[in-house]
Amino acid sequence: MRIGVNVPNFGPGTTPDNLVRWAKTVESLGFDLLMVSDHVAITPDVAKQYPGPFYEPFTTLSFLAGVTTRLKLGTTVLILPYRHPLLTARMAANLQQLSGGRLILGVGVGWAREEFAALDVPFEKRGALTDEYLRTLRTAWDDEDDYRSGQIPIWIGGNSDAALRRAARLGMPWHPLRFTMPWFLEAVERLKVIAAGLGRPVPELVPRIRLRLTESPVDHPDRRAGEGTIDQIFDDIEQLRLTGAETVLLDPYSGDPDETLRPEAAWQALATVAAQRAHRFPTETE
């Protein structure tokens, strides 16, 4: 199983130096993937959760491609309606070329109404725009030599039924975000029904889970996957693997922007996960 890390590219502690330290830490610990988030206009609804500075993902990943050699690099998730699809196609293809084929493009429809208004993009049409732009991306990459740089994997992000249908219809991996395990298992069953109704195979599962390491077990019914003791976290990862996930993304951000001023706590949690991974699955880290 591939395990990646969602690195905060926002908040008061996010600087170029810290982004480099994040990338080198994630790579040196043996993780397989580094992903960052996407916002363009830090409107009040965005700033409540993800305050500035907010580093644009394509720029950030291009920067981090230069200080890493092995890590896959991606977005979780690029809000597809925010940019003209040919611009997205060009930036993604160039990053794929410059990074040596390491890009994964996770995409979503977005949620921040004020940011959509600031960008003059109709919020109510974000789903239809996402579908249209996905078609444009694939056409651009297939038809124009300038865009070609190998197949760029696209993940369909989101926890809604619309995201399930989109992933099944397009045959692209489904990328759900920060959920409880019972919810995920029920959603996978819905995904199977949707795929069968469309006459399509069940999409690959590439979930993003929380990483919050505790000394004592977390027992409340709303416990998110990836929250608890190291044994609980690896039990969740194993359950995800048995359900069909071959890639899991760990999200160490707990919601307090001041965490970005003290990344060492997240790095220690990641080091604990890496050590346990090497102990439990030695062939994955050899």
Protein backbone atom coordinates (compact mmCIF):
# COMPACT_ATOMS: atom_id res chain seq x y z
CA MET A 1 0.00 0.00 0.00
CA ARG A 2 1.18 3.50 -0.85
CA ILE A 3 0.93 6.06 1.97
CA GLY A 4 1.12 9.78 1.34
CA VAL A 5 0.93 13.02 3.30
CA ASN A 6 -1.23 16.10 2.84
CA VAL A 7 1.15 19.00 3.55
CA PRO A 8 -0.34 22.35 4.67
CA ASN A 9 0.44 25.02 2.07
CA PHE A 10 -1.36 27.70 4.07
CA GLY A 11 -1.31 29.37 7.46
CA PRO A 12 0.97 31.69 9.42
CA GLY A 13 3.82 29.20 9.69
CA THR A 14 3.94 28.34 6.02
CA THR A 15 7.10 29.74 4.46
CA PRO A 16 9.26 28.57 1.58
CA ASP A 17 11.78 27.19 4.08
CA ASN A 18 9.11 25.25 5.98
CA LEU A 19 7.63 23.87 2.77
CA VAL A 20 11.08 22.54 1.85
CA ARG A 21 11.45 21.06 5.34
CA TRP A 22 8.04 19.40 5.01
CA ALA A 23 8.94 17.90 1.64
CA LYS A 24 12.32 16.62 2.76
CA THR A 25 10.82 15.17 5.94
CA VAL A 26 8.05 13.36 4.06
CA GLU A 27 10.51 11.94 1.51
CA SER A 28 13.17 10.97 4.04
CA LEU A 29 10.59 9.09 6.14
CA GLY A 30 9.80 6.90 3.16
CA PHE A 31 6.32 8.12 2.30
CA ASP A 32 5.22 7.77 -1.30
CA LEU A 33 3.19 10.89 -2.03
CA LEU A 34 2.99 14.57 -1.06
CA MET A 35 -0.15 16.56 -1.79
CA VAL A 36 -1.28 20.15 -1.18
CA SER A 37 -4.58 22.01 -1.17
CA ASP A 38 -6.07 24.69 -3.41
CA HIS A 39 -7.62 28.12 -2.89
CA VAL A 40 -7.13 31.16 -5.08
CA ALA A 41 -8.96 34.05 -3.39
CA ILE A 42 -8.73 33.90 0.40
CA THR A 43 -12.23 35.23 1.01
CA PRO A 44 -13.69 35.30 4.56
CA ASP A 45 -15.30 31.86 4.22
CA VAL A 46 -11.95 30.36 3.20
CA ALA A 47 -9.89 32.30 5.77
CA LYS A 48 -11.97 30.90 8.65
CA GLN A 49 -10.48 27.47 7.95
CA TYR A 50 -7.39 28.08 5.84
CA PRO A 51 -5.86 31.52 6.49
CA GLY A 52 -3.15 33.07 4.39
CA PRO A 53 -0.56 33.00 3.24
CA PHE A 54 -1.95 30.37 0.88
CA TYR A 55 0.52 29.07 -1.67
CA GLU A 56 -0.98 28.23 -5.06
CA PRO A 57 -0.67 24.46 -5.63
CA PHE A 58 0.90 24.27 -9.10
CA THR A 59 3.53 26.84 -8.12
CA THR A 60 4.16 25.07 -4.82
CA LEU A 61 4.45 21.61 -6.34
CA SER A 62 6.81 22.88 -9.03
CA PHE A 63 8.98 24.35 -6.28
CA LEU A 64 8.91 21.12 -4.27
CA ALA A 65 9.64 19.01 -7.35
CA GLY A 66 13.04 20.68 -7.38
CA VAL A 67 13.90 19.60 -3.83
CA THR A 68 12.61 16.01 -4.05
CA THR A 69 13.48 13.10 -6.30
CA ARG A 70 11.16 10.20 -5.53
CA LEU A 71 7.88 11.51 -4.13
CA LYS A 72 4.75 11.62 -6.21
CA LEU A 73 3.28 15.14 -6.07
CA GLY A 74 -0.38 16.07 -6.22
CA THR A 75 -3.41 18.15 -5.31
CA THR A 76 -6.06 17.32 -2.74
CA VAL A 77 -7.94 18.83 -4.29
CA LEU A 78 -7.61 21.30 -7.15
CA ILE A 79 -10.91 23.19 -7.44
CA LEU A 80 -11.42 22.62 -11.11
CA PRO A 81 -13.94 25.40 -11.92
CA TYR A 82 -11.57 28.13 -10.68
CA ARG A 83 -9.26 28.07 -13.72
CA HIS A 84 -9.77 27.92 -17.46
CA PRO A 85 -9.36 24.23 -18.33
CA LEU A 86 -6.72 24.87 -20.99
CA LEU A 87 -4.64 26.75 -18.43
CA THR A 88 -5.02 23.83 -16.01
CA ALA A 89 -4.12 21.39 -18.80
CA ARG A 90 -1.00 23.37 -19.65
CA MET A 91 0.18 23.78 -16.04
CA ALA A 92 -0.47 20.14 -15.20
CA ALA A 93 1.30 18.86 -18.32
CA ASN A 94 4.29 21.13 -17.73
CA LEU A 95 4.54 20.06 -14.10
CA GLN A 96 4.33 16.42 -15.20
CA GLN A 97 7.23 17.02 -17.58
CA LEU A 98 9.35 19.04 -15.17
CA SER A 99 8.88 16.58 -12.30
CA GLY A 100 9.70 13.48 -14.33
CA GLY A 101 6.14 12.17 -14.43
CA ARG A 102 5.34 12.49 -10.72
CA LEU A 103 2.03 14.41 -10.82
CA ILE A 104 -1.36 13.21 -9.54
CA LEU A 105 -4.20 15.65 -10.15
CA GLY A 106 -6.88 15.36 -7.48
CA VAL A 107 -9.86 17.53 -8.40
CA GLY A 108 -13.08 18.69 -6.81
CA VAL A 109 -16.02 21.02 -7.34
CA GLY A 110 -15.36 23.39 -4.42
CA TRP A 111 -17.49 24.71 -1.57
CA ALA A 112 -16.59 28.37 -0.80
CA ARG A 113 -19.40 30.57 -2.17
CA GLU A 114 -17.58 33.84 -1.53
CA GLU A 115 -14.49 32.60 -3.33
CA PHE A 116 -16.57 31.57 -6.35
CA ALA A 117 -18.11 35.06 -6.38
CA ALA A 118 -14.69 36.72 -6.14
CA LEU A 119 -13.52 34.68 -9.14
CA ASP A 120 -16.74 35.39 -11.06
CA VAL A 121 -17.53 31.67 -11.36
CA PRO A 122 -21.18 30.62 -10.87
CA PHE A 123 -21.37 28.52 -7.72
CA GLU A 124 -24.55 26.73 -8.83
CA LYS A 125 -22.84 25.49 -12.01
CA ARG A 126 -19.70 24.13 -10.36
CA GLY A 127 -20.65 20.48 -10.92
CA ALA A 128 -21.44 20.95 -14.59
CA LEU A 129 -18.28 23.02 -15.04
CA THR A 130 -16.20 20.30 -13.40
CA ASP A 131 -17.58 17.68 -15.80
CA GLU A 132 -16.98 19.95 -18.81
CA TYR A 133 -13.45 20.82 -17.70
CA LEU A 134 -12.54 17.18 -17.12
CA ARG A 135 -13.51 16.43 -20.72
CA THR A 136 -11.43 19.40 -21.87
CA LEU A 137 -8.38 18.26 -19.92
CA ARG A 138 -8.43 14.81 -21.44
CA THR A 139 -9.01 16.16 -24.94
CA ALA A 140 -6.15 18.65 -24.57
CA TRP A 141 -3.74 16.01 -23.30
CA ASP A 142 -4.75 13.55 -26.01
CA ASP A 143 -4.82 15.89 -29.02
CA GLU A 144 -2.06 18.43 -28.57
CA ASP A 145 1.59 17.40 -28.75
CA ASP A 146 2.57 20.34 -26.54
CA TYR A 147 0.45 18.95 -23.71
CA ARG A 148 1.62 15.36 -23.91
CA SER A 149 3.88 14.14 -21.15
CA GLY A 150 2.50 10.74 -20.25
CA GLN A 151 -0.84 9.97 -18.68
CA ILE A 152 -1.61 12.21 -15.70
CA PRO A 153 -3.70 10.35 -13.10
CA ILE A 154 -6.87 12.20 -12.06
CA TRP A 155 -8.59 11.55 -8.74
CA ILE A 156 -12.19 12.60 -8.15
CA GLY A 157 -12.38 14.23 -4.73
CA GLY A 158 -15.47 14.64 -2.58
CA ASN A 159 -17.84 12.80 -0.29
CA SER A 160 -21.11 13.54 -2.08
CA ASP A 161 -23.16 11.16 -4.19
CA ALA A 162 -22.33 13.40 -7.15
CA ALA A 163 -18.63 12.66 -6.59
CA LEU A 164 -19.36 8.93 -6.42
CA ARG A 165 -21.28 9.08 -9.69
CA ARG A 166 -18.57 11.18 -11.35
CA ALA A 167 -15.81 8.74 -10.35
CA ALA A 168 -17.84 5.72 -11.50
CA ARG A 169 -18.93 7.31 -14.77
CA LEU A 170 -15.42 8.44 -15.71
CA GLY A 171 -13.59 5.42 -14.34
CA MET A 172 -11.34 7.61 -12.20
CA PRO A 173 -10.19 6.87 -8.62
CA TRP A 174 -12.49 8.13 -5.88
CA HIS A 175 -10.80 10.37 -3.28
CA PRO A 176 -13.03 10.81 -0.19
CA LEU A 177 -11.85 13.15 2.55
CA ARG A 178 -11.69 12.84 6.37
CA PHE A 179 -14.51 10.47 7.27
CA THR A 180 -15.59 7.94 9.86
CA MET A 181 -14.99 4.32 8.97
CA PRO A 182 -18.70 3.32 9.09
CA TRP A 183 -19.51 6.14 6.68
CA PHE A 184 -16.76 5.03 4.30
CA LEU A 185 -17.83 1.40 4.28
CA GLU A 186 -21.43 2.38 3.54
CA ALA A 187 -20.28 4.80 0.82
CA VAL A 188 -18.22 2.07 -0.86
CA GLU A 189 -21.35 -0.08 -1.05
CA ARG A 190 -23.21 2.84 -2.68
CA LEU A 191 -20.30 3.28 -5.09
CA LYS A 192 -20.56 -0.38 -6.08
CA VAL A 193 -24.30 0.00 -6.77
CA ILE A 194 -23.72 3.15 -8.81
CA ALA A 195 -20.94 1.52 -10.84
CA ALA A 196 -23.05 -1.57 -11.50
CA GLY A 197 -25.96 0.60 -12.64
CA LEU A 198 -23.67 2.33 -15.12
CA GLY A 199 -22.15 -0.93 -16.29
CA ARG A 200 -18.75 0.27 -15.10
CA PRO A 201 -16.09 -1.29 -12.86
CA VAL A 202 -15.82 -0.02 -9.31
CA PRO A 203 -13.31 2.86 -9.25
CA GLU A 204 -10.05 2.61 -7.38
CA LEU A 205 -10.24 3.90 -3.80
CA VAL A 206 -7.69 6.57 -2.76
CA PRO A 207 -8.95 7.99 0.56
CA ARG A 208 -7.57 10.86 2.60
CA ILE A 209 -7.80 10.29 6.35
CA ARG A 210 -6.99 12.35 9.38
CA LEU A 211 -3.74 11.76 11.26
CA ARG A 212 -4.15 12.50 14.96
CA LEU A 213 -1.98 10.29 17.13
CA THR A 214 -3.08 9.80 20.76
CA GLU A 215 -1.66 7.86 23.68
CA SER A 216 -5.05 6.44 24.72
CA PRO A 217 -7.61 4.83 22.41
CA VAL A 218 -10.30 7.08 20.97
CA ASP A 219 -13.62 5.33 21.47
CA HIS A 220 -16.35 7.85 20.63
CA PRO A 221 -18.66 6.90 17.73
CA ASP A 222 -17.66 9.91 15.64
CA ARG A 223 -13.98 8.96 15.60
CA ARG A 224 -12.49 9.78 12.23
CA ALA A 225 -10.37 7.22 10.44
CA GLY A 226 -6.73 7.90 11.31
CA GLU A 227 -7.52 9.26 14.76
CA GLY A 228 -6.31 7.43 17.88
CA THR A 229 -3.44 5.25 18.98
CA ILE A 230 -0.92 3.93 16.50
CA ASP A 231 -2.70 0.57 16.63
CA GLN A 232 -6.03 2.21 15.81
CA ILE A 233 -4.47 4.12 12.93
CA PHE A 234 -2.98 0.98 11.42
CA ASP A 235 -6.19 -0.95 12.00
CA ASP A 236 -7.92 1.76 9.94
CA ILE A 237 -5.27 1.57 7.23
CA GLU A 238 -5.59 -2.21 7.10
CA GLN A 239 -9.38 -1.98 6.88
CA LEU A 240 -9.04 0.49 4.03
CA ARG A 241 -6.63 -1.88 2.29
CA LEU A 242 -9.02 -4.80 2.68
CA THR A 243 -11.81 -2.65 1.24
CA GLY A 244 -9.69 -2.07 -1.86
CA ALA A 245 -7.66 1.07 -1.21
CA GLU A 246 -4.12 0.86 -2.56
CA THR A 247 -3.22 4.43 -1.62
CA VAL A 248 -4.03 6.29 1.61
CA LEU A 249 -3.26 9.95 2.23
CA LEU A 250 -2.62 11.09 5.81
CA ASP A 251 -3.78 14.59 6.78
CA PRO A 252 -1.99 15.83 9.92
CA TYR A 253 -3.73 19.25 10.01
CA SER A 254 -6.27 19.37 12.85
CA GLY A 255 -7.82 22.75 12.11
CA ASP A 256 -5.78 25.22 14.18
CA PRO A 257 -3.77 27.53 11.88
CA ASP A 258 -1.18 28.01 14.62
CA GLU A 259 -0.21 24.36 14.09
CA THR A 260 1.66 25.53 11.01
CA LEU A 261 4.01 27.48 13.32
CA ARG A 262 4.97 24.22 15.06
CA PRO A 263 5.23 21.54 12.35
CA GLU A 264 7.55 19.41 14.50
CA ALA A 265 4.56 17.78 16.24
CA ALA A 266 3.16 16.60 12.90
CA TRP A 267 6.59 15.41 11.81
CA GLN A 268 6.94 13.35 14.98
CA ALA A 269 3.55 11.73 14.36
CA LEU A 270 4.59 10.95 10.79
CA ALA A 271 7.88 9.48 12.04
CA THR A 272 5.91 7.21 14.37
CA VAL A 273 3.72 6.06 11.48
CA ALA A 274 6.79 5.49 9.28
CA ALA A 275 8.51 3.42 11.95
CA GLN A 276 5.43 1.29 12.51
CA ARG A 277 5.00 0.85 8.78
CA ALA A 278 8.57 -0.40 8.48
CA HIS A 279 7.96 -2.78 11.39
CA ARG A 280 4.62 -4.11 10.19
CA PHE A 281 5.25 -4.12 6.42
CA PRO A 282 9.03 -4.32 5.97
CA THR A 283 8.83 -5.17 2.27
CA GLU A 284 7.12 -1.84 1.57
CA THR A 285 10.06 0.17 2.85
CA GLU A 286 13.01 -1.88 1.63
